[in-house]
PDB file of all heavy atoms in Angstrom:
ATOM      1  N   HIS A   1      33.539  55.157 -25.483  1.00  0.00           N
ATOM      2  CA  HIS A   1      34.394  56.270 -25.882  1.00  0.00           C
ATOM      3  C   HIS A   1      35.052  56.927 -24.677  1.00  0.00           C
ATOM      4  O   HIS A   1      36.214  57.306 -24.731  1.00  0.00           O
ATOM      5  CB  HIS A   1      33.507  57.319 -26.544  1.00  0.00           C
ATOM      6  CG  HIS A   1      34.265  58.410 -27.273  1.00  0.00           C
ATOM      7  ND1 HIS A   1      34.802  59.515 -26.681  1.00  0.00           N
ATOM      8  CD2 HIS A   1      34.602  58.507 -28.627  1.00  0.00           C
ATOM      9  CE1 HIS A   1      35.430  60.248 -27.579  1.00  0.00           C
ATOM     10  NE2 HIS A   1      35.366  59.684 -28.751  1.00  0.00           N
ATOM     11  N   LYS A   2      34.379  56.930 -23.528  1.00  0.00           N
ATOM     12  CA  LYS A   2      35.045  57.481 -22.277  1.00  0.00           C
ATOM     13  C   LYS A   2      36.091  56.525 -21.798  1.00  0.00           C
ATOM     14  O   LYS A   2      37.089  57.021 -21.257  1.00  0.00           O
ATOM     15  CB  LYS A   2      33.928  57.664 -21.254  1.00  0.00           C
ATOM     16  CG  LYS A   2      33.147  58.984 -21.433  1.00  0.00           C
ATOM     17  CD  LYS A   2      32.211  59.259 -20.271  1.00  0.00           C
ATOM     18  CE  LYS A   2      31.679  60.661 -20.234  1.00  0.00           C
ATOM     19  NZ  LYS A   2      32.715  61.702 -19.907  1.00  0.00           N
ATOM     20  N   ILE A   3      35.932  55.225 -21.936  1.00  0.00           N
ATOM     21  CA  ILE A   3      36.967  54.270 -21.530  1.00  0.00           C
ATOM     22  C   ILE A   3      38.189  54.522 -22.432  1.00  0.00           C
ATOM     23  O   ILE A   3      39.294  54.526 -21.921  1.00  0.00           O
ATOM     24  CB  ILE A   3      36.500  52.881 -21.638  1.00  0.00           C
ATOM     25  CG1 ILE A   3      35.402  52.540 -20.547  1.00  0.00           C
ATOM     26  CG2 ILE A   3      37.600  51.845 -21.490  1.00  0.00           C
ATOM     27  CD1 ILE A   3      34.751  51.191 -20.732  1.00  0.00           C
ATOM     28  N   ALA A   4      37.967  54.677 -23.718  1.00  0.00           N
ATOM     29  CA  ALA A   4      39.097  54.975 -24.616  1.00  0.00           C
ATOM     30  C   ALA A   4      39.723  56.298 -24.258  1.00  0.00           C
ATOM     31  O   ALA A   4      40.969  56.408 -24.340  1.00  0.00           O
ATOM     32  CB  ALA A   4      38.523  55.004 -26.053  1.00  0.00           C
ATOM     33  N   GLY A   5      38.932  57.248 -23.826  1.00  0.00           N
ATOM     34  CA  GLY A   5      39.511  58.544 -23.346  1.00  0.00           C
ATOM     35  C   GLY A   5      40.360  58.317 -22.135  1.00  0.00           C
ATOM     36  O   GLY A   5      41.456  58.968 -22.060  1.00  0.00           O
ATOM     37  N   GLY A   6      40.005  57.450 -21.191  1.00  0.00           N
ATOM     38  CA  GLY A   6      40.853  57.162 -20.069  1.00  0.00           C
ATOM     39  C   GLY A   6      42.168  56.509 -20.455  1.00  0.00           C
ATOM     40  O   GLY A   6      43.189  56.855 -19.905  1.00  0.00           O
ATOM     41  N   ILE A   7      42.099  55.546 -21.368  1.00  0.00           N
ATOM     42  CA  ILE A   7      43.287  54.919 -21.860  1.00  0.00           C
ATOM     43  C   ILE A   7      44.227  55.874 -22.608  1.00  0.00           C
ATOM     44  O   ILE A   7      45.433  55.865 -22.427  1.00  0.00           O
ATOM     45  CB  ILE A   7      42.906  53.739 -22.820  1.00  0.00           C
ATOM     46  CG1 ILE A   7      42.194  52.645 -21.984  1.00  0.00           C
ATOM     47  CG2 ILE A   7      44.159  53.139 -23.451  1.00  0.00           C
ATOM     48  CD1 ILE A   7      41.584  51.555 -22.862  1.00  0.00           C
ATOM     49  N   SER A   8      43.581  56.820 -23.409  1.00  0.00           N
ATOM     50  CA  SER A   8      44.357  57.854 -24.044  1.00  0.00           C
ATOM     51  C   SER A   8      45.076  58.733 -23.024  1.00  0.00           C
ATOM     52  O   SER A   8      46.206  59.178 -23.224  1.00  0.00           O
ATOM     53  CB  SER A   8      43.506  58.670 -24.968  1.00  0.00           C
ATOM     54  OG  SER A   8      43.004  57.883 -25.977  1.00  0.00           O
ATOM     55  N   TYR A   9      44.372  59.065 -21.941  1.00  0.00           N
ATOM     56  CA  TYR A   9      44.951  59.876 -20.865  1.00  0.00           C
ATOM     57  C   TYR A   9      46.215  59.194 -20.279  1.00  0.00           C
ATOM     58  O   TYR A   9      47.165  59.858 -20.070  1.00  0.00           O
ATOM     59  CB  TYR A   9      43.902  60.117 -19.781  1.00  0.00           C
ATOM     60  CG  TYR A   9      44.310  61.146 -18.747  1.00  0.00           C
ATOM     61  CD1 TYR A   9      43.971  62.485 -18.905  1.00  0.00           C
ATOM     62  CD2 TYR A   9      45.020  60.789 -17.620  1.00  0.00           C
ATOM     63  CE1 TYR A   9      44.328  63.471 -18.024  1.00  0.00           C
ATOM     64  CE2 TYR A   9      45.419  61.737 -16.702  1.00  0.00           C
ATOM     65  CZ  TYR A   9      45.048  63.073 -16.891  1.00  0.00           C
ATOM     66  OH  TYR A   9      45.398  64.003 -15.972  1.00  0.00           O
ATOM     67  N   LEU A  10      46.082  57.887 -20.094  1.00  0.00           N
ATOM     68  CA  LEU A  10      47.236  57.196 -19.607  1.00  0.00           C
ATOM     69  C   LEU A  10      48.403  57.295 -20.606  1.00  0.00           C
ATOM     70  O   LEU A  10      49.574  57.442 -20.186  1.00  0.00           O
ATOM     71  CB  LEU A  10      46.919  55.674 -19.348  1.00  0.00           C
ATOM     72  CG  LEU A  10      46.053  55.287 -18.089  1.00  0.00           C
ATOM     73  CD1 LEU A  10      45.791  53.846 -18.087  1.00  0.00           C
ATOM     74  CD2 LEU A  10      46.754  55.745 -16.863  1.00  0.00           C
ATOM     75  N   ARG A  11      48.081  57.132 -21.853  1.00  0.00           N
ATOM     76  CA  ARG A  11      49.192  57.208 -22.891  1.00  0.00           C
ATOM     77  C   ARG A  11      49.831  58.528 -22.970  1.00  0.00           C
ATOM     78  O   ARG A  11      51.022  58.652 -23.186  1.00  0.00           O
ATOM     79  CB  ARG A  11      48.543  56.833 -24.245  1.00  0.00           C
ATOM     80  CG  ARG A  11      49.585  56.665 -25.369  1.00  0.00           C
ATOM     81  CD  ARG A  11      48.938  56.352 -26.685  1.00  0.00           C
ATOM     82  NE  ARG A  11      47.989  57.407 -27.136  1.00  0.00           N
ATOM     83  CZ  ARG A  11      46.688  57.273 -27.345  1.00  0.00           C
ATOM     84  NH1 ARG A  11      46.124  56.104 -27.065  1.00  0.00           N
ATOM     85  NH2 ARG A  11      45.945  58.249 -27.722  1.00  0.00           N
ATOM     86  N   ASP A  12      49.031  59.582 -22.728  1.00  0.00           N
ATOM     87  CA  ASP A  12      49.541  60.962 -22.920  1.00  0.00           C
ATOM     88  C   ASP A  12      50.184  61.521 -21.627  1.00  0.00           C
ATOM     89  O   ASP A  12      50.798  62.617 -21.649  1.00  0.00           O
ATOM     90  CB  ASP A  12      48.381  61.903 -23.322  1.00  0.00           C
ATOM     91  CG  ASP A  12      47.871  61.528 -24.692  1.00  0.00           C
ATOM     92  OD1 ASP A  12      48.596  60.873 -25.406  1.00  0.00           O
ATOM     93  OD2 ASP A  12      46.713  61.871 -24.926  1.00  0.00           O
ATOM     94  N   HIS A  13      50.043  60.852 -20.470  1.00  0.00           N
ATOM     95  CA  HIS A  13      50.551  61.350 -19.241  1.00  0.00           C
ATOM     96  C   HIS A  13      51.543  60.293 -18.646  1.00  0.00           C
ATOM     97  O   HIS A  13      51.047  59.304 -17.955  1.00  0.00           O
ATOM     98  CB  HIS A  13      49.405  61.650 -18.199  1.00  0.00           C
ATOM     99  CG  HIS A  13      48.587  62.834 -18.650  1.00  0.00           C
ATOM    100  ND1 HIS A  13      47.556  62.714 -19.657  1.00  0.00           N
ATOM    101  CD2 HIS A  13      48.548  64.145 -18.255  1.00  0.00           C
ATOM    102  CE1 HIS A  13      46.995  63.903 -19.874  1.00  0.00           C
ATOM    103  NE2 HIS A  13      47.538  64.781 -18.967  1.00  0.00           N
ATOM    104  N   ALA A  14      52.807  60.551 -18.825  1.00  0.00           N
ATOM    105  CA  ALA A  14      53.804  59.533 -18.481  1.00  0.00           C
ATOM    106  C   ALA A  14      53.852  59.225 -16.947  1.00  0.00           C
ATOM    107  O   ALA A  14      54.025  58.083 -16.608  1.00  0.00           O
ATOM    108  CB  ALA A  14      55.159  60.071 -18.931  1.00  0.00           C
ATOM    109  N   PHE A  15      53.619  60.262 -16.165  1.00  0.00           N
ATOM    110  CA  PHE A  15      53.765  60.031 -14.691  1.00  0.00           C
ATOM    111  C   PHE A  15      52.683  59.055 -14.238  1.00  0.00           C
ATOM    112  O   PHE A  15      52.980  58.206 -13.363  1.00  0.00           O
ATOM    113  CB  PHE A  15      53.747  61.354 -13.934  1.00  0.00           C
ATOM    114  CG  PHE A  15      52.432  61.841 -13.447  1.00  0.00           C
ATOM    115  CD1 PHE A  15      51.990  61.518 -12.183  1.00  0.00           C
ATOM    116  CD2 PHE A  15      51.628  62.581 -14.326  1.00  0.00           C
ATOM    117  CE1 PHE A  15      50.704  61.973 -11.779  1.00  0.00           C
ATOM    118  CE2 PHE A  15      50.381  63.003 -13.853  1.00  0.00           C
ATOM    119  CZ  PHE A  15      49.900  62.668 -12.618  1.00  0.00           C
ATOM    120  N   ILE A  16      51.492  59.172 -14.778  1.00  0.00           N
ATOM    121  CA  ILE A  16      50.425  58.215 -14.360  1.00  0.00           C
ATOM    122  C   ILE A  16      50.723  56.819 -14.891  1.00  0.00           C
ATOM    123  O   ILE A  16      50.560  55.797 -14.178  1.00  0.00           O
ATOM    124  CB  ILE A  16      49.069  58.666 -14.879  1.00  0.00           C
ATOM    125  CG1 ILE A  16      48.657  59.968 -14.177  1.00  0.00           C
ATOM    126  CG2 ILE A  16      47.975  57.634 -14.675  1.00  0.00           C
ATOM    127  CD1 ILE A  16      48.226  59.798 -12.741  1.00  0.00           C
ATOM    128  N   ARG A  17      51.245  56.749 -16.099  1.00  0.00           N
ATOM    129  CA  ARG A  17      51.579  55.440 -16.709  1.00  0.00           C
ATOM    130  C   ARG A  17      52.717  54.757 -15.917  1.00  0.00           C
ATOM    131  O   ARG A  17      52.637  53.605 -15.633  1.00  0.00           O
ATOM    132  CB  ARG A  17      52.025  55.681 -18.151  1.00  0.00           C
ATOM    133  CG  ARG A  17      52.132  54.442 -18.959  1.00  0.00           C
ATOM    134  CD  ARG A  17      52.300  54.729 -20.474  1.00  0.00           C
ATOM    135  NE  ARG A  17      53.516  55.500 -20.774  1.00  0.00           N
ATOM    136  CZ  ARG A  17      53.536  56.777 -21.111  1.00  0.00           C
ATOM    137  NH1 ARG A  17      52.438  57.413 -21.250  1.00  0.00           N
ATOM    138  NH2 ARG A  17      54.742  57.318 -21.416  1.00  0.00           N
ATOM    139  N   LYS A  18      53.746  55.569 -15.526  1.00  0.00           N
ATOM    140  CA  LYS A  18      54.827  54.962 -14.733  1.00  0.00           C
ATOM    141  C   LYS A  18      54.343  54.547 -13.371  1.00  0.00           C
ATOM    142  O   LYS A  18      54.737  53.516 -12.848  1.00  0.00           O
ATOM    143  CB  LYS A  18      55.960  56.013 -14.588  1.00  0.00           C
ATOM    144  CG  LYS A  18      56.703  56.366 -15.857  1.00  0.00           C
ATOM    145  CD  LYS A  18      57.734  57.443 -15.587  1.00  0.00           C
ATOM    146  CE  LYS A  18      58.425  57.862 -16.907  1.00  0.00           C
ATOM    147  NZ  LYS A  18      59.326  59.009 -16.667  1.00  0.00           N
ATOM    148  N   LEU A  19      53.451  55.370 -12.833  1.00  0.00           N
ATOM    149  CA  LEU A  19      52.846  55.030 -11.476  1.00  0.00           C
ATOM    150  C   LEU A  19      52.098  53.703 -11.509  1.00  0.00           C
ATOM    151  O   LEU A  19      52.167  52.871 -10.633  1.00  0.00           O
ATOM    152  CB  LEU A  19      51.990  56.152 -10.989  1.00  0.00           C
ATOM    153  CG  LEU A  19      51.228  55.962  -9.617  1.00  0.00           C
ATOM    154  CD1 LEU A  19      52.218  55.673  -8.589  1.00  0.00           C
ATOM    155  CD2 LEU A  19      50.391  57.183  -9.321  1.00  0.00           C
ATOM    156  N   LEU A  20      51.347  53.519 -12.626  1.00  0.00           N
ATOM    157  CA  LEU A  20      50.494  52.332 -12.757  1.00  0.00           C
ATOM    158  C   LEU A  20      51.483  51.041 -12.901  1.00  0.00           C
ATOM    159  O   LEU A  20      51.189  50.053 -12.311  1.00  0.00           O
ATOM    160  CB  LEU A  20      49.622  52.403 -13.951  1.00  0.00           C
ATOM    161  CG  LEU A  20      48.420  51.447 -14.078  1.00  0.00           C
ATOM    162  CD1 LEU A  20      47.495  51.597 -12.952  1.00  0.00           C
ATOM    163  CD2 LEU A  20      47.727  51.649 -15.398  1.00  0.00           C
ATOM    164  N   VAL A  21      52.502  51.254 -13.683  1.00  0.00           N
ATOM    165  CA  VAL A  21      53.497  50.153 -13.902  1.00  0.00           C
ATOM    166  C   VAL A  21      54.156  49.794 -12.538  1.00  0.00           C
ATOM    167  O   VAL A  21      54.285  48.646 -12.159  1.00  0.00           O
ATOM    168  CB  VAL A  21      54.522  50.521 -14.957  1.00  0.00           C
ATOM    169  CG1 VAL A  21      55.687  49.460 -14.955  1.00  0.00           C
ATOM    170  CG2 VAL A  21      53.889  50.584 -16.312  1.00  0.00           C
ATOM    171  N   PHE A  22      54.587  50.833 -11.825  1.00  0.00           N
ATOM    172  CA  PHE A  22      55.244  50.649 -10.533  1.00  0.00           C
ATOM    173  C   PHE A  22      54.290  49.957  -9.548  1.00  0.00           C
ATOM    174  O   PHE A  22      54.677  48.979  -8.859  1.00  0.00           O
ATOM    175  CB  PHE A  22      55.633  52.026  -9.956  1.00  0.00           C
ATOM    176  CG  PHE A  22      56.285  51.954  -8.616  1.00  0.00           C
ATOM    177  CD1 PHE A  22      57.574  51.509  -8.414  1.00  0.00           C
ATOM    178  CD2 PHE A  22      55.598  52.314  -7.487  1.00  0.00           C
ATOM    179  CE1 PHE A  22      58.173  51.447  -7.137  1.00  0.00           C
ATOM    180  CE2 PHE A  22      56.180  52.272  -6.231  1.00  0.00           C
ATOM    181  CZ  PHE A  22      57.472  51.824  -6.126  1.00  0.00           C
ATOM    182  N   GLN A  23      53.077  50.338  -9.552  1.00  0.00           N
ATOM    183  CA  GLN A  23      52.053  49.743  -8.642  1.00  0.00           C
ATOM    184  C   GLN A  23      51.885  48.249  -8.959  1.00  0.00           C
ATOM    185  O   GLN A  23      51.838  47.449  -8.020  1.00  0.00           O
ATOM    186  CB  GLN A  23      50.716  50.491  -8.790  1.00  0.00           C
ATOM    187  CG  GLN A  23      49.517  49.957  -7.988  1.00  0.00           C
ATOM    188  CD  GLN A  23      49.481  50.477  -6.609  1.00  0.00           C
ATOM    189  OE1 GLN A  23      50.496  50.778  -6.026  1.00  0.00           O
ATOM    190  NE2 GLN A  23      48.265  50.541  -6.027  1.00  0.00           N
ATOM    191  N   ILE A  24      51.711  47.955 -10.197  1.00  0.00           N
ATOM    192  CA  ILE A  24      51.555  46.503 -10.591  1.00  0.00           C
ATOM    193  C   ILE A  24      52.703  45.647 -10.130  1.00  0.00           C
ATOM    194  O   ILE A  24      52.568  44.539  -9.583  1.00  0.00           O
ATOM    195  CB  ILE A  24      51.271  46.455 -12.083  1.00  0.00           C
ATOM    196  CG1 ILE A  24      49.912  47.016 -12.463  1.00  0.00           C
ATOM    197  CG2 ILE A  24      51.292  44.971 -12.547  1.00  0.00           C
ATOM    198  CD1 ILE A  24      49.674  47.187 -13.936  1.00  0.00           C
ATOM    199  N   ILE A  25      53.953  46.136 -10.412  1.00  0.00           N
ATOM    200  CA  ILE A  25      55.151  45.422 -10.072  1.00  0.00           C
ATOM    201  C   ILE A  25      55.253  45.176  -8.572  1.00  0.00           C
ATOM    202  O   ILE A  25      55.459  44.072  -8.088  1.00  0.00           O
ATOM    203  CB  ILE A  25      56.426  46.114 -10.607  1.00  0.00           C
ATOM    204  CG1 ILE A  25      56.400  46.117 -12.128  1.00  0.00           C
ATOM    205  CG2 ILE A  25      57.688  45.416 -10.131  1.00  0.00           C
ATOM    206  CD1 ILE A  25      57.513  46.989 -12.779  1.00  0.00           C
ATOM    207  N   ILE A  26      55.039  46.286  -7.814  1.00  0.00           N
ATOM    208  CA  ILE A  26      55.239  46.199  -6.368  1.00  0.00           C
ATOM    209  C   ILE A  26      54.157  45.286  -5.756  1.00  0.00           C
ATOM    210  O   ILE A  26      54.455  44.431  -4.870  1.00  0.00           O
ATOM    211  CB  ILE A  26      55.190  47.588  -5.713  1.00  0.00           C
ATOM    212  CG1 ILE A  26      56.381  48.397  -6.238  1.00  0.00           C
ATOM    213  CG2 ILE A  26      55.196  47.505  -4.224  1.00  0.00           C
ATOM    214  CD1 ILE A  26      57.760  47.854  -5.849  1.00  0.00           C
ATOM    215  N   LEU A  27      52.900  45.478  -6.163  1.00  0.00           N
ATOM    216  CA  LEU A  27      51.821  44.645  -5.626  1.00  0.00           C
ATOM    217  C   LEU A  27      51.978  43.169  -5.937  1.00  0.00           C
ATOM    218  O   LEU A  27      51.724  42.360  -5.097  1.00  0.00           O
ATOM    219  CB  LEU A  27      50.490  45.182  -6.123  1.00  0.00           C
ATOM    220  CG  LEU A  27      49.991  46.475  -5.604  1.00  0.00           C
ATOM    221  CD1 LEU A  27      48.624  46.864  -6.152  1.00  0.00           C
ATOM    222  CD2 LEU A  27      49.969  46.468  -4.053  1.00  0.00           C
ATOM    223  N   PHE A  28      52.544  42.851  -7.109  1.00  0.00           N
ATOM    224  CA  PHE A  28      52.831  41.505  -7.486  1.00  0.00           C
ATOM    225  C   PHE A  28      53.887  40.911  -6.497  1.00  0.00           C
ATOM    226  O   PHE A  28      53.756  39.762  -5.976  1.00  0.00           O
ATOM    227  CB  PHE A  28      53.375  41.446  -8.893  1.00  0.00           C
ATOM    228  CG  PHE A  28      53.722  39.994  -9.401  1.00  0.00           C
ATOM    229  CD1 PHE A  28      52.747  39.178  -9.940  1.00  0.00           C
ATOM    230  CD2 PHE A  28      55.032  39.573  -9.269  1.00  0.00           C
ATOM    231  CE1 PHE A  28      53.086  37.897 -10.355  1.00  0.00           C
ATOM    232  CE2 PHE A  28      55.395  38.269  -9.661  1.00  0.00           C
ATOM    233  CZ  PHE A  28      54.398  37.440 -10.225  1.00  0.00           C
TER     234      PHE A  28
END
């Protein structure tokens, strides 16, 4: 349930979601 809460947090907070996408692209 806490893991699902973390995923929901990503879904609800655009700046964290964008940061994660940016991080994955750049590191690749």
